[in-house]
Amino acid sequence: MILRDLAWAYAAIGEKDKANAILADLLRNAQSEYISPYSIGVVQAALGEIDKAFQNLERALTERDSQITYLSLDPELDALRSDPRFQSLLERLHLPR
């Protein structure tokens, strides 16, 4: 998703206001159309909203969001890898660490 990647990039370079604006748009759009909870979680992780990121990654797992299969490889989630919740997600997906 292009907006997810743009928001992640803004957060990575310290443009948190721009990243938050895109996240707000994604959350607003999610009220009327499908927006991947995985994508929302990626942006939240980049913004340091770790608990919210894990809530959306859990939702992605529950909803069988196809993007969750990238969990073990996605560099956009590197900030979460040391958290035990990340390892738990990998185990439940049966993905390699």
N, C-alpha and C. Protein backbone atom coordinates (compact mmCIF):
# COMPACT_ATOMS: atom_id res chain seq x y z
N MET A 1 0.85 -1.18 0.00
CA MET A 1 0.00 0.00 0.00
C MET A 1 0.89 1.24 0.00
N ILE A 2 0.67 2.10 -0.94
CA ILE A 2 1.52 3.28 -1.11
C ILE A 2 1.40 4.24 0.07
N LEU A 3 0.21 4.47 0.55
CA LEU A 3 0.06 5.40 1.68
C LEU A 3 0.75 4.88 2.93
N ARG A 4 0.68 3.57 3.17
CA ARG A 4 1.38 2.99 4.31
C ARG A 4 2.87 3.25 4.20
N ASP A 5 3.43 2.99 3.02
CA ASP A 5 4.87 3.16 2.84
C ASP A 5 5.27 4.63 2.94
N LEU A 6 4.44 5.51 2.44
CA LEU A 6 4.73 6.95 2.55
C LEU A 6 4.70 7.39 4.01
N ALA A 7 3.70 6.95 4.75
CA ALA A 7 3.61 7.30 6.17
C ALA A 7 4.80 6.74 6.93
N TRP A 8 5.18 5.50 6.63
CA TRP A 8 6.33 4.89 7.28
C TRP A 8 7.59 5.70 6.99
N ALA A 9 7.77 6.09 5.74
CA ALA A 9 8.96 6.87 5.35
C ALA A 9 8.98 8.22 6.07
N TYR A 10 7.85 8.88 6.14
CA TYR A 10 7.79 10.15 6.88
C TYR A 10 8.18 9.95 8.34
N ALA A 11 7.66 8.91 8.96
CA ALA A 11 8.00 8.65 10.36
C ALA A 11 9.49 8.35 10.51
N ALA A 12 10.04 7.60 9.58
CA ALA A 12 11.45 7.22 9.63
C ALA A 12 12.40 8.41 9.54
N ILE A 13 11.97 9.46 8.82
CA ILE A 13 12.83 10.64 8.70
C ILE A 13 12.45 11.74 9.69
N GLY A 14 11.56 11.41 10.60
CA GLY A 14 11.20 12.36 11.64
C GLY A 14 10.06 13.31 11.31
N GLU A 15 9.42 13.10 10.19
CA GLU A 15 8.27 13.92 9.79
C GLU A 15 7.00 13.31 10.37
N LYS A 16 6.94 13.28 11.69
CA LYS A 16 5.83 12.58 12.37
C LYS A 16 4.48 13.24 12.12
N ASP A 17 4.44 14.56 11.95
CA ASP A 17 3.16 15.22 11.67
C ASP A 17 2.57 14.72 10.35
N LYS A 18 3.41 14.59 9.34
CA LYS A 18 2.94 14.09 8.05
C LYS A 18 2.50 12.63 8.16
N ALA A 19 3.29 11.84 8.89
CA ALA A 19 2.94 10.43 9.07
C ALA A 19 1.62 10.30 9.83
N ASN A 20 1.45 11.11 10.86
CA ASN A 20 0.19 11.08 11.63
C ASN A 20 -1.00 11.51 10.79
N ALA A 21 -0.80 12.46 9.90
CA ALA A 21 -1.89 12.90 9.03
C ALA A 21 -2.34 11.76 8.11
N ILE A 22 -1.37 11.04 7.57
CA ILE A 22 -1.73 9.90 6.71
C ILE A 22 -2.40 8.80 7.52
N LEU A 23 -1.88 8.54 8.72
CA LEU A 23 -2.50 7.54 9.59
C LEU A 23 -3.95 7.92 9.89
N ALA A 24 -4.18 9.19 10.18
CA ALA A 24 -5.55 9.65 10.46
C ALA A 24 -6.45 9.41 9.26
N ASP A 25 -5.93 9.66 8.05
CA ASP A 25 -6.71 9.38 6.84
C ASP A 25 -7.01 7.89 6.70
N LEU A 26 -6.01 7.06 6.96
CA LEU A 26 -6.22 5.61 6.87
C LEU A 26 -7.28 5.15 7.87
N LEU A 27 -7.19 5.64 9.09
CA LEU A 27 -8.17 5.26 10.11
C LEU A 27 -9.57 5.75 9.77
N ARG A 28 -9.66 6.95 9.23
CA ARG A 28 -10.96 7.49 8.83
C ARG A 28 -11.53 6.67 7.67
N ASN A 29 -10.69 6.35 6.70
CA ASN A 29 -11.16 5.56 5.56
C ASN A 29 -11.56 4.15 5.97
N ALA A 30 -10.92 3.64 7.01
CA ALA A 30 -11.23 2.29 7.49
C ALA A 30 -12.65 2.18 8.03
N GLN A 31 -13.29 3.31 8.30
CA GLN A 31 -14.67 3.30 8.76
C GLN A 31 -15.65 2.95 7.65
N SER A 32 -15.24 3.20 6.39
CA SER A 32 -16.18 2.97 5.29
C SER A 32 -15.65 2.02 4.21
N GLU A 33 -14.38 1.65 4.29
CA GLU A 33 -13.81 0.73 3.32
C GLU A 33 -12.75 -0.12 4.01
N TYR A 34 -12.38 -1.21 3.36
CA TYR A 34 -11.38 -2.08 3.97
C TYR A 34 -10.00 -1.45 3.86
N ILE A 35 -9.38 -1.26 4.99
CA ILE A 35 -7.99 -0.87 5.08
C ILE A 35 -7.31 -1.94 5.92
N SER A 36 -6.26 -2.49 5.40
CA SER A 36 -5.56 -3.58 6.06
C SER A 36 -5.10 -3.18 7.46
N PRO A 37 -5.50 -3.95 8.48
CA PRO A 37 -5.01 -3.66 9.83
C PRO A 37 -3.49 -3.84 9.93
N TYR A 38 -2.93 -4.69 9.07
CA TYR A 38 -1.48 -4.85 9.02
C TYR A 38 -0.84 -3.52 8.62
N SER A 39 -1.38 -2.87 7.59
CA SER A 39 -0.85 -1.59 7.14
C SER A 39 -0.93 -0.53 8.23
N ILE A 40 -2.05 -0.49 8.91
CA ILE A 40 -2.21 0.46 10.00
C ILE A 40 -1.19 0.17 11.10
N GLY A 41 -0.99 -1.10 11.40
CA GLY A 41 -0.02 -1.49 12.42
C GLY A 41 1.40 -1.09 12.05
N VAL A 42 1.74 -1.20 10.78
CA VAL A 42 3.08 -0.81 10.32
C VAL A 42 3.31 0.68 10.57
N VAL A 43 2.34 1.50 10.25
CA VAL A 43 2.47 2.94 10.46
C VAL A 43 2.55 3.25 11.95
N GLN A 44 1.71 2.62 12.73
CA GLN A 44 1.74 2.85 14.18
C GLN A 44 3.08 2.44 14.78
N ALA A 45 3.66 1.35 14.30
CA ALA A 45 4.97 0.93 14.79
C ALA A 45 6.03 1.98 14.46
N ALA A 46 5.97 2.51 13.26
CA ALA A 46 6.94 3.54 12.86
C ALA A 46 6.81 4.80 13.70
N LEU A 47 5.61 5.07 14.16
CA LEU A 47 5.36 6.26 14.99
C LEU A 47 5.62 6.00 16.47
N GLY A 48 6.01 4.77 16.80
CA GLY A 48 6.28 4.45 18.20
C GLY A 48 5.05 4.09 19.01
N GLU A 49 3.92 3.91 18.34
CA GLU A 49 2.67 3.51 18.99
C GLU A 49 2.63 1.98 19.06
N ILE A 50 3.51 1.43 19.86
CA ILE A 50 3.77 -0.01 19.87
C ILE A 50 2.54 -0.83 20.26
N ASP A 51 1.86 -0.43 21.32
CA ASP A 51 0.67 -1.20 21.75
C ASP A 51 -0.41 -1.18 20.68
N LYS A 52 -0.64 -0.03 20.07
CA LYS A 52 -1.63 0.06 19.00
C LYS A 52 -1.20 -0.77 17.79
N ALA A 53 0.09 -0.76 17.50
CA ALA A 53 0.60 -1.55 16.38
C ALA A 53 0.30 -3.03 16.61
N PHE A 54 0.57 -3.50 17.83
CA PHE A 54 0.31 -4.91 18.11
C PHE A 54 -1.18 -5.22 18.09
N GLN A 55 -2.02 -4.30 18.52
CA GLN A 55 -3.46 -4.53 18.43
C GLN A 55 -3.88 -4.75 16.98
N ASN A 56 -3.34 -3.96 16.08
CA ASN A 56 -3.70 -4.10 14.67
C ASN A 56 -3.06 -5.32 14.03
N LEU A 57 -1.86 -5.69 14.45
CA LEU A 57 -1.26 -6.92 13.93
C LEU A 57 -2.05 -8.14 14.42
N GLU A 58 -2.51 -8.10 15.66
CA GLU A 58 -3.37 -9.18 16.18
C GLU A 58 -4.66 -9.25 15.36
N ARG A 59 -5.21 -8.08 15.06
CA ARG A 59 -6.43 -8.02 14.25
C ARG A 59 -6.17 -8.59 12.86
N ALA A 60 -5.01 -8.26 12.30
CA ALA A 60 -4.65 -8.79 10.98
C ALA A 60 -4.58 -10.31 11.01
N LEU A 61 -4.05 -10.85 12.08
CA LEU A 61 -3.98 -12.31 12.23
C LEU A 61 -5.39 -12.90 12.32
N THR A 62 -6.21 -12.31 13.17
CA THR A 62 -7.58 -12.80 13.37
C THR A 62 -8.40 -12.73 12.09
N GLU A 63 -8.24 -11.62 11.35
CA GLU A 63 -9.01 -11.43 10.12
C GLU A 63 -8.38 -12.12 8.91
N ARG A 64 -7.25 -12.76 9.13
CA ARG A 64 -6.53 -13.44 8.06
C ARG A 64 -6.15 -12.50 6.92
N ASP A 65 -5.70 -11.33 7.33
CA ASP A 65 -5.19 -10.34 6.39
C ASP A 65 -3.99 -10.96 5.66
N SER A 66 -4.01 -10.97 4.35
CA SER A 66 -2.95 -11.63 3.59
C SER A 66 -1.58 -11.00 3.84
N GLN A 67 -1.54 -9.74 4.21
CA GLN A 67 -0.25 -9.08 4.43
C GLN A 67 0.48 -9.62 5.67
N ILE A 68 -0.23 -10.25 6.58
CA ILE A 68 0.40 -10.77 7.80
C ILE A 68 1.46 -11.82 7.47
N THR A 69 1.38 -12.41 6.30
CA THR A 69 2.39 -13.42 5.92
C THR A 69 3.77 -12.80 5.72
N TYR A 70 3.86 -11.49 5.63
CA TYR A 70 5.15 -10.81 5.49
C TYR A 70 5.78 -10.46 6.85
N LEU A 71 5.12 -10.81 7.91
CA LEU A 71 5.54 -10.41 9.25
C LEU A 71 7.01 -10.70 9.54
N SER A 72 7.47 -11.88 9.21
CA SER A 72 8.84 -12.24 9.57
C SER A 72 9.89 -11.56 8.71
N LEU A 73 9.49 -11.01 7.57
CA LEU A 73 10.45 -10.41 6.63
C LEU A 73 10.37 -8.90 6.53
N ASP A 74 9.30 -8.32 6.93
CA ASP A 74 9.04 -6.90 6.69
C ASP A 74 9.97 -6.00 7.50
N PRO A 75 10.89 -5.29 6.84
CA PRO A 75 11.81 -4.41 7.58
C PRO A 75 11.09 -3.24 8.24
N GLU A 76 9.89 -2.94 7.80
CA GLU A 76 9.14 -1.83 8.40
C GLU A 76 8.72 -2.16 9.83
N LEU A 77 8.84 -3.42 10.22
CA LEU A 77 8.47 -3.83 11.58
C LEU A 77 9.68 -4.16 12.45
N ASP A 78 10.85 -3.78 12.01
CA ASP A 78 12.07 -4.07 12.78
C ASP A 78 12.00 -3.55 14.21
N ALA A 79 11.32 -2.44 14.43
CA ALA A 79 11.21 -1.86 15.77
C ALA A 79 10.45 -2.77 16.75
N LEU A 80 9.71 -3.73 16.22
CA LEU A 80 8.90 -4.61 17.07
C LEU A 80 9.54 -5.96 17.36
N ARG A 81 10.59 -6.30 16.65
CA ARG A 81 11.14 -7.65 16.70
C ARG A 81 11.59 -8.11 18.08
N SER A 82 12.05 -7.20 18.92
CA SER A 82 12.54 -7.59 20.24
C SER A 82 11.41 -7.75 21.27
N ASP A 83 10.22 -7.37 20.91
CA ASP A 83 9.06 -7.48 21.81
C ASP A 83 8.55 -8.92 21.81
N PRO A 84 8.29 -9.50 22.98
CA PRO A 84 7.78 -10.88 23.04
C PRO A 84 6.48 -11.07 22.26
N ARG A 85 5.69 -10.04 22.11
CA ARG A 85 4.44 -10.16 21.36
C ARG A 85 4.71 -10.47 19.89
N PHE A 86 5.82 -9.96 19.38
CA PHE A 86 6.20 -10.23 18.00
C PHE A 86 6.50 -11.72 17.82
N GLN A 87 7.28 -12.26 18.74
CA GLN A 87 7.61 -13.68 18.69
C GLN A 87 6.35 -14.54 18.80
N SER A 88 5.42 -14.11 19.62
CA SER A 88 4.16 -14.83 19.77
C SER A 88 3.38 -14.86 18.45
N LEU A 89 3.34 -13.73 17.76
CA LEU A 89 2.66 -13.68 16.46
C LEU A 89 3.33 -14.64 15.48
N LEU A 90 4.65 -14.62 15.44
CA LEU A 90 5.37 -15.51 14.53
C LEU A 90 5.05 -16.98 14.83
N GLU A 91 5.02 -17.31 16.10
CA GLU A 91 4.73 -18.70 16.48
C GLU A 91 3.33 -19.10 16.05
N ARG A 92 2.37 -18.22 16.24
CA ARG A 92 0.99 -18.55 15.86
C ARG A 92 0.81 -18.62 14.35
N LEU A 93 1.68 -17.94 13.60
CA LEU A 93 1.63 -18.01 12.15
C LEU A 93 2.47 -19.16 11.61
N HIS A 94 3.25 -19.76 12.49
CA HIS A 94 4.17 -20.83 12.10
C HIS A 94 5.17 -20.33 11.06
N LEU A 95 5.66 -19.10 11.30
CA LEU A 95 6.65 -18.51 10.40
C LEU A 95 8.03 -18.59 11.05
N PRO A 96 9.06 -18.71 10.24
CA PRO A 96 10.41 -18.74 10.82
C PRO A 96 10.76 -17.38 11.44
N ARG A 97 11.61 -17.47 12.45
CA ARG A 97 12.04 -16.24 13.13
C ARG A 97 13.19 -15.69 12.37
